[in-house]
Amino acid sequence: GKCICQQGVTYEGHNLTSFPVNDETQCCGLCVTTGGCKYAVVQPDATFGKLCRLMGSKAVSTKSKIPGTMTCVWDKTAGQSPKPTPPV
């Protein structure tokens, strides 16, 4: 599998937990191992460099106001899988 990210998209409203991470791949991995996680949101953070916010199924997508923010999903098939849909 691989981590597929969409720039400029964030999710709000159903935050399970947050972790400092080195990169988006690490954030994807945390989402896979965290029960109920559906979206891995990576955003720049003044303290940690990058913050990984794990979001549950009730989270709603929105355009991010923070540059460098992305929403990632782990593609188990590494083929064609649903990506997070950008907000209209």
N, C-alpha and C. Protein backbone atom coordinates (compact mmCIF):
# COMPACT_ATOMS: atom_id res chain seq x y z
N GLY A 1 0.82 -1.21 0.00
CA GLY A 1 0.00 0.00 0.00
C GLY A 1 0.84 1.25 0.00
N LYS A 2 0.20 2.39 -0.11
CA LYS A 2 0.91 3.66 -0.05
C LYS A 2 0.00 4.76 0.48
N CYS A 3 0.62 5.83 0.88
CA CYS A 3 -0.11 6.96 1.45
C CYS A 3 -0.46 7.94 0.34
N ILE A 4 -1.74 8.21 0.17
CA ILE A 4 -2.18 9.16 -0.86
C ILE A 4 -2.73 10.41 -0.18
N CYS A 5 -2.18 11.56 -0.54
CA CYS A 5 -2.57 12.80 0.14
C CYS A 5 -3.18 13.80 -0.83
N GLN A 6 -4.04 14.62 -0.29
CA GLN A 6 -4.65 15.70 -1.05
C GLN A 6 -4.33 17.02 -0.36
N GLN A 7 -3.64 17.88 -1.09
CA GLN A 7 -3.20 19.16 -0.53
C GLN A 7 -4.38 20.11 -0.30
N GLY A 8 -4.28 20.90 0.76
CA GLY A 8 -5.25 21.97 0.99
C GLY A 8 -6.57 21.54 1.57
N VAL A 9 -6.69 20.24 1.91
CA VAL A 9 -7.95 19.74 2.46
C VAL A 9 -7.73 19.34 3.92
N THR A 10 -8.66 19.71 4.77
CA THR A 10 -8.61 19.29 6.17
C THR A 10 -9.97 18.74 6.56
N TYR A 11 -10.02 18.06 7.69
CA TYR A 11 -11.29 17.54 8.21
C TYR A 11 -11.47 18.06 9.62
N GLU A 12 -12.71 18.35 9.97
CA GLU A 12 -13.03 18.89 11.30
C GLU A 12 -14.21 18.14 11.88
N GLY A 13 -14.35 18.23 13.21
CA GLY A 13 -15.58 17.79 13.86
C GLY A 13 -15.56 16.40 14.47
N HIS A 14 -14.53 15.62 14.20
CA HIS A 14 -14.50 14.28 14.80
C HIS A 14 -13.04 13.88 15.01
N ASN A 15 -12.37 14.64 15.89
CA ASN A 15 -10.94 14.44 16.14
C ASN A 15 -10.74 13.33 17.17
N LEU A 16 -10.12 12.24 16.74
CA LEU A 16 -9.88 11.11 17.65
C LEU A 16 -8.67 11.39 18.54
N THR A 17 -7.57 11.76 17.92
CA THR A 17 -6.34 12.02 18.65
C THR A 17 -5.34 12.71 17.73
N SER A 18 -4.28 13.27 18.31
CA SER A 18 -3.26 13.95 17.50
C SER A 18 -1.87 13.51 17.94
N PHE A 19 -0.96 13.41 16.98
CA PHE A 19 0.42 13.04 17.27
C PHE A 19 1.37 13.91 16.46
N PRO A 20 2.54 14.26 17.04
CA PRO A 20 3.57 14.87 16.21
C PRO A 20 4.16 13.78 15.30
N VAL A 21 4.41 14.11 14.03
CA VAL A 21 4.97 13.13 13.09
C VAL A 21 6.11 13.74 12.28
N ASN A 22 6.89 12.87 11.65
CA ASN A 22 7.96 13.31 10.76
C ASN A 22 7.45 13.61 9.36
N ASP A 23 6.48 12.82 8.91
CA ASP A 23 5.95 13.00 7.56
C ASP A 23 4.56 12.40 7.43
N GLU A 24 3.97 12.57 6.26
CA GLU A 24 2.59 12.11 6.05
C GLU A 24 2.47 10.58 6.06
N THR A 25 3.53 9.87 5.64
CA THR A 25 3.48 8.41 5.64
C THR A 25 3.31 7.89 7.06
N GLN A 26 4.00 8.50 8.00
CA GLN A 26 3.88 8.14 9.41
C GLN A 26 2.45 8.38 9.90
N CYS A 27 1.87 9.48 9.46
CA CYS A 27 0.49 9.84 9.85
C CYS A 27 -0.48 8.80 9.29
N CYS A 28 -0.28 8.39 8.05
CA CYS A 28 -1.11 7.34 7.44
C CYS A 28 -1.05 6.07 8.26
N GLY A 29 0.15 5.69 8.68
CA GLY A 29 0.35 4.48 9.46
C GLY A 29 -0.39 4.54 10.79
N LEU A 30 -0.34 5.71 11.43
CA LEU A 30 -1.04 5.89 12.71
C LEU A 30 -2.55 5.75 12.52
N CYS A 31 -3.04 6.24 11.39
CA CYS A 31 -4.48 6.15 11.12
C CYS A 31 -4.89 4.69 10.96
N VAL A 32 -4.04 3.91 10.27
CA VAL A 32 -4.33 2.49 10.05
C VAL A 32 -4.41 1.73 11.38
N THR A 33 -3.53 2.07 12.33
CA THR A 33 -3.47 1.34 13.59
C THR A 33 -4.39 1.91 14.67
N THR A 34 -5.06 3.04 14.38
CA THR A 34 -5.97 3.64 15.35
C THR A 34 -7.41 3.29 15.00
N GLY A 35 -8.09 2.62 15.92
CA GLY A 35 -9.46 2.20 15.68
C GLY A 35 -10.38 3.38 15.37
N GLY A 36 -11.17 3.25 14.32
CA GLY A 36 -12.14 4.28 13.97
C GLY A 36 -11.58 5.41 13.12
N CYS A 37 -10.26 5.39 12.86
CA CYS A 37 -9.68 6.47 12.06
C CYS A 37 -10.03 6.31 10.59
N LYS A 38 -10.48 7.42 9.99
CA LYS A 38 -10.84 7.38 8.58
C LYS A 38 -9.94 8.31 7.75
N TYR A 39 -9.56 9.44 8.33
CA TYR A 39 -8.73 10.41 7.61
C TYR A 39 -7.54 10.82 8.45
N ALA A 40 -6.40 10.93 7.81
CA ALA A 40 -5.19 11.39 8.48
C ALA A 40 -4.89 12.80 7.98
N VAL A 41 -5.05 13.78 8.85
CA VAL A 41 -4.81 15.17 8.47
C VAL A 41 -3.42 15.58 8.97
N VAL A 42 -2.58 16.03 8.04
CA VAL A 42 -1.24 16.48 8.40
C VAL A 42 -1.19 17.99 8.25
N GLN A 43 -0.77 18.69 9.32
CA GLN A 43 -0.66 20.14 9.22
C GLN A 43 0.61 20.63 9.88
N PRO A 44 1.17 21.74 9.35
CA PRO A 44 2.36 22.33 9.95
C PRO A 44 2.05 22.76 11.38
N ASP A 45 3.02 22.59 12.26
CA ASP A 45 2.81 22.93 13.66
C ASP A 45 4.06 23.62 14.19
N ALA A 46 3.86 24.75 14.87
CA ALA A 46 4.98 25.55 15.38
C ALA A 46 5.85 24.77 16.36
N THR A 47 5.21 23.94 17.18
CA THR A 47 5.94 23.19 18.20
C THR A 47 6.61 21.94 17.65
N PHE A 48 5.86 21.15 16.88
CA PHE A 48 6.33 19.83 16.47
C PHE A 48 6.86 19.75 15.05
N GLY A 49 6.63 20.80 14.26
CA GLY A 49 6.99 20.71 12.84
C GLY A 49 5.80 20.24 12.03
N LYS A 50 5.41 18.98 12.26
CA LYS A 50 4.19 18.47 11.62
C LYS A 50 3.31 17.81 12.67
N LEU A 51 2.01 18.07 12.58
CA LEU A 51 1.06 17.46 13.50
C LEU A 51 0.12 16.57 12.70
N CYS A 52 -0.09 15.35 13.20
CA CYS A 52 -1.00 14.40 12.55
C CYS A 52 -2.28 14.35 13.35
N ARG A 53 -3.39 14.75 12.74
CA ARG A 53 -4.69 14.70 13.41
C ARG A 53 -5.51 13.56 12.82
N LEU A 54 -5.84 12.60 13.66
CA LEU A 54 -6.60 11.44 13.19
C LEU A 54 -8.09 11.70 13.36
N MET A 55 -8.80 11.63 12.24
CA MET A 55 -10.21 11.99 12.23
C MET A 55 -11.09 10.78 11.99
N GLY A 56 -12.25 10.75 12.69
CA GLY A 56 -13.21 9.66 12.55
C GLY A 56 -14.19 9.89 11.41
N SER A 57 -15.09 8.95 11.24
CA SER A 57 -16.00 8.93 10.09
C SER A 57 -16.99 10.09 10.07
N LYS A 58 -17.22 10.73 11.22
CA LYS A 58 -18.18 11.84 11.24
C LYS A 58 -17.54 13.18 10.89
N ALA A 59 -16.23 13.16 10.66
CA ALA A 59 -15.53 14.40 10.32
C ALA A 59 -15.99 14.92 8.96
N VAL A 60 -15.98 16.24 8.83
CA VAL A 60 -16.45 16.89 7.60
C VAL A 60 -15.28 17.60 6.93
N SER A 61 -15.18 17.42 5.61
CA SER A 61 -14.07 18.04 4.89
C SER A 61 -14.28 19.54 4.69
N THR A 62 -13.20 20.28 4.72
CA THR A 62 -13.26 21.72 4.52
C THR A 62 -11.93 22.17 3.93
N LYS A 63 -11.95 23.30 3.23
CA LYS A 63 -10.69 23.84 2.70
C LYS A 63 -9.86 24.36 3.87
N SER A 64 -8.59 24.04 3.88
CA SER A 64 -7.74 24.46 4.99
C SER A 64 -7.24 25.88 4.80
N LYS A 65 -7.20 26.65 5.90
CA LYS A 65 -6.65 28.00 5.85
C LYS A 65 -5.16 27.99 6.16
N ILE A 66 -4.66 26.80 6.58
CA ILE A 66 -3.24 26.70 6.93
C ILE A 66 -2.47 26.11 5.75
N PRO A 67 -1.55 26.90 5.15
CA PRO A 67 -0.77 26.38 4.02
C PRO A 67 0.02 25.15 4.42
N GLY A 68 0.09 24.16 3.54
CA GLY A 68 0.84 22.95 3.82
C GLY A 68 0.02 21.85 4.45
N THR A 69 -1.27 22.14 4.70
CA THR A 69 -2.14 21.12 5.28
C THR A 69 -2.59 20.14 4.20
N MET A 70 -2.66 18.85 4.55
CA MET A 70 -3.15 17.85 3.60
C MET A 70 -3.90 16.76 4.34
N THR A 71 -4.81 16.12 3.61
CA THR A 71 -5.52 14.97 4.17
C THR A 71 -5.05 13.73 3.44
N CYS A 72 -4.67 12.70 4.20
CA CYS A 72 -4.11 11.50 3.61
C CYS A 72 -4.95 10.28 3.95
N VAL A 73 -4.96 9.33 3.03
CA VAL A 73 -5.58 8.03 3.29
C VAL A 73 -4.59 6.96 2.87
N TRP A 74 -4.61 5.85 3.57
CA TRP A 74 -3.73 4.73 3.23
C TRP A 74 -4.42 3.90 2.16
N ASP A 75 -3.76 3.78 1.01
CA ASP A 75 -4.30 3.01 -0.10
C ASP A 75 -3.78 1.57 0.04
N LYS A 76 -4.63 0.68 0.52
CA LYS A 76 -4.22 -0.70 0.77
C LYS A 76 -3.92 -1.45 -0.52
N THR A 77 -4.62 -1.08 -1.58
CA THR A 77 -4.47 -1.81 -2.83
C THR A 77 -3.31 -1.27 -3.67
N ALA A 78 -2.95 -0.01 -3.45
CA ALA A 78 -1.98 0.70 -4.28
C ALA A 78 -2.46 0.80 -5.71
N GLY A 79 -3.75 0.50 -5.91
CA GLY A 79 -4.34 0.69 -7.24
C GLY A 79 -5.29 1.87 -7.17
N GLN A 80 -6.42 1.79 -7.84
CA GLN A 80 -7.39 2.87 -7.79
C GLN A 80 -8.23 2.71 -6.52
N SER A 81 -8.11 3.65 -5.61
CA SER A 81 -8.95 3.61 -4.42
C SER A 81 -9.55 4.98 -4.20
N PRO A 82 -10.64 5.06 -3.46
CA PRO A 82 -11.27 6.37 -3.24
C PRO A 82 -10.32 7.31 -2.51
N LYS A 83 -10.15 8.51 -3.05
CA LYS A 83 -9.34 9.52 -2.38
C LYS A 83 -10.30 10.43 -1.62
N PRO A 84 -9.77 11.18 -0.65
CA PRO A 84 -10.67 12.15 0.01
C PRO A 84 -11.19 13.13 -1.03
N THR A 85 -12.47 13.36 -1.06
CA THR A 85 -13.01 14.29 -2.04
C THR A 85 -12.80 15.72 -1.58
N PRO A 86 -12.31 16.57 -2.48
CA PRO A 86 -12.11 17.97 -2.10
C PRO A 86 -13.45 18.66 -1.91
N PRO A 87 -13.50 19.61 -0.98
CA PRO A 87 -14.75 20.36 -0.81
C PRO A 87 -15.04 21.21 -2.05
N VAL A 88 -16.30 21.36 -2.36
CA VAL A 88 -16.67 22.11 -3.57
C VAL A 88 -16.70 23.61 -3.27
